């Protein structure tokens, strides 16, 4: 029976820079002597690693792969360890000599500021190195987002309330490291030209004098008027001469 073998130490996933050397470990107990064999999987191909028949598997990181260890005894009982991921980052973070690194989380990819229209999907991404591989937790405006515990934060259909400042915490047994904080804006991406003109005047020149002129020419139950066009034109030049910044809207 497979219960004749018990794995007492599972290998653990890691997230490391390319060229980094480390060891995956597997330990088991059984009723007779035990044999070990490591396997790796890259993309969809799973294969036996020749000569990898020890409890420890030395690895020099080259590419992201999955690993597992098979343990069997002399009575044809066999068990497999957990599959673990060795994530390899091709760029070593500046200021992180691998020989001085103790496995604490180091952010290698920060989220980016986003502007998203209401109802559209939002995705933010964070990545960190760490031994063991870090876990992730996202926050918005300092509040923990209970469901967002992966490297990628995903919101399928955004709402205005999803706007705010986001950041991610990567942590493992050696400590934690926080990503940069980024602003996410949820709303109308392309406001009407008139609104955009008004917003620019209000926010850029909030301390100046601003005049909004509205001239209505067409009415549903009255003949069209011509005077509002002339009045708006003349008032605009008069107000600009007095130092006002003017927004003119018709109909």
Protein backbone atom coordinates (compact mmCIF):
# COMPACT_ATOMS: atom_id res chain seq x y z
CA UNK A 1 0.00 0.00 0.00
CA UNK A 2 1.16 3.53 -0.68
CA UNK A 3 0.67 4.37 3.02
CA UNK A 4 3.76 2.24 3.66
CA UNK A 5 5.74 5.33 2.61
CA UNK A 6 5.26 8.74 4.23
CA UNK A 7 6.87 11.91 2.91
CA UNK A 8 8.12 13.82 5.95
CA UNK A 9 9.61 16.84 4.11
CA UNK A 10 8.11 18.17 0.90
CA UNK A 11 10.17 20.23 -1.58
CA UNK A 12 9.25 23.92 -1.69
CA UNK A 13 8.74 26.29 -4.61
CA UNK A 14 11.32 29.04 -5.17
CA UNK A 15 11.58 32.20 -7.25
CA UNK A 16 15.20 32.96 -8.14
CA UNK A 17 17.45 34.86 -10.58
CA UNK A 18 18.89 33.04 -13.57
CA UNK A 19 22.18 31.32 -12.70
CA UNK A 20 21.30 30.97 -9.01
CA UNK A 21 22.27 27.61 -7.44
CA UNK A 22 20.14 25.93 -4.77
CA UNK A 23 18.84 22.51 -3.69
CA UNK A 24 15.39 20.95 -3.67
CA UNK A 25 14.90 18.55 -0.75
CA UNK A 26 12.62 15.57 -0.23
CA UNK A 27 12.55 13.29 2.82
CA UNK A 28 10.46 10.17 3.41
CA UNK A 29 10.04 7.24 5.82
CA UNK A 30 9.13 3.64 4.98
CA UNK A 31 9.20 0.06 6.22
CA UNK A 32 12.18 -0.81 4.05
CA UNK A 33 14.96 1.07 2.33
CA UNK A 34 13.74 3.81 -0.01
CA UNK A 35 14.76 4.94 -3.47
CA UNK A 36 14.32 8.46 -4.89
CA UNK A 37 13.85 9.66 -8.45
CA UNK A 38 13.28 13.29 -9.50
CA UNK A 39 11.19 14.40 -12.49
CA UNK A 40 10.79 17.79 -14.17
CA UNK A 41 8.10 19.28 -16.38
CA UNK A 42 8.65 22.09 -18.86
CA UNK A 43 5.51 23.30 -20.66
CA UNK A 44 3.64 20.01 -21.31
CA UNK A 45 6.60 17.61 -21.30
CA UNK A 46 7.34 15.59 -18.14
CA UNK A 47 10.56 13.61 -18.02
CA UNK A 48 12.80 11.70 -15.65
CA UNK A 49 16.00 13.53 -14.67
CA UNK A 50 18.91 11.14 -15.36
CA UNK A 51 21.03 10.45 -12.28
CA UNK A 52 18.73 12.44 -9.97
CA UNK A 53 18.33 9.59 -7.46
CA UNK A 54 19.23 11.32 -4.20
CA UNK A 55 17.08 12.97 -1.55
CA UNK A 56 18.55 16.33 -2.59
CA UNK A 57 18.42 17.73 -6.13
CA UNK A 58 21.04 20.44 -6.86
CA UNK A 59 19.82 22.95 -9.44
CA UNK A 60 21.37 25.91 -11.23
CA UNK A 61 18.42 28.02 -12.36
CA UNK A 62 18.10 28.29 -16.16
CA UNK A 63 14.37 28.31 -16.97
CA UNK A 64 11.07 28.10 -15.13
CA UNK A 65 10.07 24.44 -14.56
CA UNK A 66 8.04 22.16 -12.30
CA UNK A 67 9.61 19.36 -10.24
CA UNK A 68 8.42 16.33 -8.29
CA UNK A 69 10.15 13.42 -6.57
CA UNK A 70 9.02 9.77 -6.67
CA UNK A 71 9.82 7.65 -3.61
CA UNK A 72 9.51 3.86 -3.76
CA UNK A 73 10.47 0.93 -1.55
CA UNK A 74 11.45 -2.67 -2.23
CA UNK A 75 7.80 -3.83 -2.18
CA UNK A 76 6.64 -1.81 -5.21
CA UNK A 77 5.05 0.87 -3.07
CA UNK A 78 5.55 4.36 -4.45
CA UNK A 79 4.45 7.92 -3.66
CA UNK A 80 5.11 11.26 -5.33
CA UNK A 81 5.96 14.49 -3.58
CA UNK A 82 4.09 17.72 -4.24
CA UNK A 83 4.79 19.40 -7.57
CA UNK A 84 6.84 22.54 -6.93
CA UNK A 85 7.61 25.45 -9.22
CA UNK A 86 11.09 26.82 -9.79
CA UNK A 87 10.42 30.28 -11.23
CA UNK A 88 13.46 31.79 -12.93
CA UNK A 89 13.83 35.54 -13.52
CA UNK A 90 16.13 36.45 -16.39
CA UNK A 91 17.02 39.86 -14.93
CA UNK A 92 18.75 40.06 -11.57
CA UNK A 93 17.52 43.04 -9.55
CA UNK A 94 20.08 45.80 -9.22
CA UNK A 95 21.87 45.84 -5.89
CA UNK A 96 21.20 42.15 -5.26
CA UNK A 97 24.41 40.10 -5.52
CA UNK A 98 23.23 36.46 -5.36
CA UNK A 99 26.11 35.56 -3.05
CA UNK A 100 24.76 37.94 -0.39
CA UNK A 101 21.07 37.07 -0.87
CA UNK A 102 19.47 35.05 1.91
CA UNK A 103 16.16 34.37 0.15
CA UNK A 104 14.19 37.37 1.43
CA UNK A 105 11.54 38.73 -0.98
CA UNK A 106 12.82 41.18 -3.61
CA UNK A 107 10.36 42.90 -5.96
CA UNK A 108 11.41 42.47 -9.60
CA UNK A 109 8.19 43.69 -11.27
CA UNK A 110 6.10 46.59 -9.98
CA UNK A 111 2.48 47.30 -10.97
CA UNK A 112 1.83 50.17 -13.37
CA UNK A 113 -0.67 53.03 -13.18
CA UNK A 114 -3.91 52.22 -15.01
CA UNK A 115 -6.82 54.16 -16.52
CA UNK A 116 -9.79 51.93 -17.22
CA UNK A 117 -13.30 52.61 -18.47
CA UNK A 118 -16.17 51.53 -16.21
CA UNK A 119 -17.13 47.90 -16.88
CA UNK A 120 -13.81 47.00 -18.51
CA UNK A 121 -11.30 44.55 -16.94
CA UNK A 122 -8.44 45.68 -14.72
CA UNK A 123 -5.17 43.79 -14.32
CA UNK A 124 -2.22 44.72 -12.12
CA UNK A 125 0.91 42.61 -11.85
CA UNK A 126 3.64 42.18 -9.25
CA UNK A 127 6.50 39.66 -9.10
CA UNK A 128 9.15 38.96 -6.49
CA UNK A 129 12.07 36.62 -6.00
CA UNK A 130 12.29 34.61 -2.80
CA UNK A 131 13.37 31.29 -1.26
CA UNK A 132 10.84 29.91 -0.53
CA UNK A 133 8.70 31.52 -3.24
CA UNK A 134 6.82 34.52 -1.80
CA UNK A 135 3.09 34.71 -1.25
CA UNK A 136 1.23 37.85 -2.36
CA UNK A 137 -1.40 40.13 -0.88
CA UNK A 138 -2.92 43.18 -2.59
CA UNK A 139 -4.21 46.34 -0.91
CA UNK A 140 -6.35 49.29 -2.10
CA UNK A 141 -6.15 52.57 -0.20
CA UNK A 142 -4.45 50.70 2.65
CA UNK A 143 -7.27 48.13 2.92
CA UNK A 144 -6.57 44.42 2.44
CA UNK A 145 -8.29 42.89 -0.61
CA UNK A 146 -9.29 39.49 0.75
CA UNK A 147 -9.63 37.73 -2.63
CA UNK A 148 -6.51 39.17 -4.27
CA UNK A 149 -3.68 36.82 -3.23
CA UNK A 150 -1.92 36.16 -6.54
CA UNK A 151 0.84 37.89 -8.49
CA UNK A 152 -1.79 39.23 -10.86
CA UNK A 153 -4.69 41.23 -9.52
CA UNK A 154 -7.73 40.84 -11.78
CA UNK A 155 -11.10 42.58 -11.70
CA UNK A 156 -13.34 41.40 -14.55
CA UNK A 157 -15.85 44.26 -14.56
CA UNK A 158 -14.60 47.44 -12.92
CA UNK A 159 -16.74 49.94 -11.01
CA UNK A 160 -15.98 53.53 -10.05
CA UNK A 161 -15.44 52.29 -6.47
CA UNK A 162 -12.44 50.24 -7.72
CA UNK A 163 -10.52 53.51 -8.20
CA UNK A 164 -7.75 54.13 -5.70
CA UNK A 165 -4.12 53.50 -4.80
CA UNK A 166 -2.99 49.87 -5.10
CA UNK A 167 0.10 48.08 -3.83
CA UNK A 168 1.19 44.51 -3.21
CA UNK A 169 3.05 42.83 -0.35
CA UNK A 170 5.31 39.85 -1.14
CA UNK A 171 6.28 37.79 1.91
CA UNK A 172 7.98 34.55 2.93
CA UNK A 173 9.61 33.13 6.05
CA UNK A 174 12.52 35.62 5.71
CA UNK A 175 10.41 38.78 5.66
CA UNK A 176 8.28 40.94 3.40
CA UNK A 177 8.73 43.53 0.66
CA UNK A 178 6.20 46.03 -0.69
CA UNK A 179 5.74 47.04 -4.31
CA UNK A 180 5.44 50.62 -5.47
CA UNK A 181 2.04 52.21 -4.88
CA UNK A 182 0.18 53.03 -8.11
CA UNK A 183 -3.02 54.95 -8.84
CA UNK A 184 -5.90 53.31 -10.71
CA UNK A 185 -8.53 55.56 -12.31
CA UNK A 186 -11.90 54.04 -13.23
CA UNK A 187 -14.23 56.26 -15.23
CA UNK A 188 -15.04 57.81 -18.60
CA UNK A 189 -11.84 57.66 -20.64
CA UNK A 190 -12.79 60.17 -23.36
CA UNK A 191 -14.99 62.98 -22.02
CA UNK A 192 -16.69 65.31 -24.55
CA UNK A 193 -14.40 68.01 -25.96
CA UNK A 194 -16.36 70.74 -24.17
CA UNK A 195 -15.97 69.01 -20.82
CA UNK A 196 -12.29 68.46 -21.42
CA UNK A 197 -11.80 72.15 -22.17
CA UNK A 198 -13.64 73.12 -19.00
CA UNK A 199 -11.75 70.58 -16.85
CA UNK A 200 -8.42 71.89 -18.13
CA UNK A 201 -9.32 75.47 -17.22
CA UNK A 202 -10.68 74.53 -13.79
CA UNK A 203 -7.84 72.27 -12.67
CA UNK A 204 -4.86 73.95 -14.32
CA UNK A 205 -5.95 77.52 -13.69
CA UNK A 206 -7.99 77.14 -10.52
CA UNK A 207 -6.63 80.38 -9.08
CA UNK A 208 -7.52 82.49 -12.19
CA UNK A 209 -10.80 84.09 -13.35
CA UNK A 210 -12.93 81.77 -15.46
CA UNK A 211 -16.15 82.60 -17.34
CA UNK A 212 -18.55 80.05 -18.83
CA UNK A 213 -20.76 81.43 -21.62
CA UNK A 214 -23.70 79.38 -22.93
CA UNK A 215 -25.65 80.55 -25.99
CA UNK A 216 -28.83 78.71 -26.98
CA UNK A 217 -29.95 79.36 -30.58
CA UNK A 218 -32.47 76.61 -31.18
CA UNK A 219 -35.68 76.10 -29.22
CA UNK A 220 -38.31 73.40 -29.69
CA UNK A 221 -41.32 75.79 -29.72
CA UNK A 222 -39.75 79.06 -30.89
CA UNK A 223 -38.08 80.24 -34.11
CA UNK A 224 -34.29 80.00 -34.16
CA UNK A 225 -32.46 82.97 -32.68
CA UNK A 226 -29.38 84.70 -34.09
CA UNK A 227 -28.56 87.13 -31.29
CA UNK A 228 -27.01 84.53 -28.88
CA UNK A 229 -24.21 83.77 -31.37
CA UNK A 230 -23.29 87.46 -31.65
CA UNK A 231 -23.71 88.06 -27.92
CA UNK A 232 -21.44 85.16 -26.96
CA UNK A 233 -18.80 86.31 -29.48
CA UNK A 234 -18.82 89.91 -28.18
CA UNK A 235 -18.97 88.93 -24.49
CA UNK A 236 -16.06 86.52 -24.96
CA UNK A 237 -13.77 89.29 -26.27
CA UNK A 238 -14.90 91.68 -23.54
CA UNK A 239 -14.26 89.16 -20.74
CA UNK A 240 -10.89 88.11 -22.19
CA UNK A 241 -9.92 91.83 -22.26
CA UNK A 242 -10.75 91.91 -18.52
CA UNK A 243 -8.46 88.96 -17.80
CA UNK A 244 -10.95 86.09 -17.79
CA UNK A 245 -10.34 82.69 -19.32
CA UNK A 246 -13.53 81.93 -21.27
CA UNK A 247 -15.30 78.69 -22.20
CA UNK A 248 -17.98 79.28 -24.87
CA UNK A 249 -20.65 76.65 -25.52
CA UNK A 250 -23.48 76.84 -28.05
CA UNK A 251 -26.73 74.88 -27.85
